[in-house]
Amino acid sequence: MSRVRVGGAELELLPGKAAWWPAERTLLVADAHFGKAVSFRRLGVPVPEATTGGTLDALDALLATHAARRIVFLGDLLHSRHAHARETLAAFAAWRELRPELELVLVRGNHDDRAGDPPPAWGVHCVDEPFVLPAAPGLALCHHPEPREGAYVLGGHEHPCITIGQGIDRLRLPCFHIGSRAGVLPAFGTFTGMHPIRRAAGDRVFVVADNAVHPLP
């Protein structure tokens, strides 16, 4: 199990591409991008079906193994205004109805600015970045991983990955990128792209592969 201590909080980095904050019983999830596939289909681009269900299943897998009382989405919960399609909204609403006691917080990201807040029936508390919990005033939960004075920033936005191997044996894998002043979670959604990180001296990188999280030397 890979653990990091940032901003006064000890977090576990999960192979489900999320972070677990045990002291707060909180799951941190970045870049779910619900409704991305339907947004592309409305533009005439053929893309996979049932991506919303896949992302909800991934959330359920986390909840099955962690006694979470809260999920904090670090931005880009909905992909665009087209994500307000009937099927997408109904699927999330049905999922939410089965978990009324679970606190959901959205730290608005750039896609949320375009998509708008989720429907009130979803019971998602929407806030602008940074979101700070009293248990760790030195940890700023954001979408954009831009350093802030007096706090460690944990965000998403960049969909980080790293390339392993060489030549035809290269493989791109999602990763957690933990810098000295800001850290980035991998994109959680089942239909999201990835972008290679630029690793600076002293950065810690944890690769997600084979249902495990592996620290890179």
Foldseek 3Di string as FASTA:
>chain_A
DDWDAFLNFIWDQFLLLWIAGQVQLEIEAEAQAQQPQQVVVVVVHDDDPDLLVVLLVSVVVVVVVGVHQEYEYQENPHQALSSPDPVRLVVLLVSQVVPVRRAAEYAYDPRCVHNPDRDVSSNYHYDHWFDADPSRNQETRHADFDFDPRHAYEHEPQQEWAWDDDDPPIDIFGKWKADPRYIYTHHNGPDDDYDYDDDDPPIWIWTNDPRDTHTDD
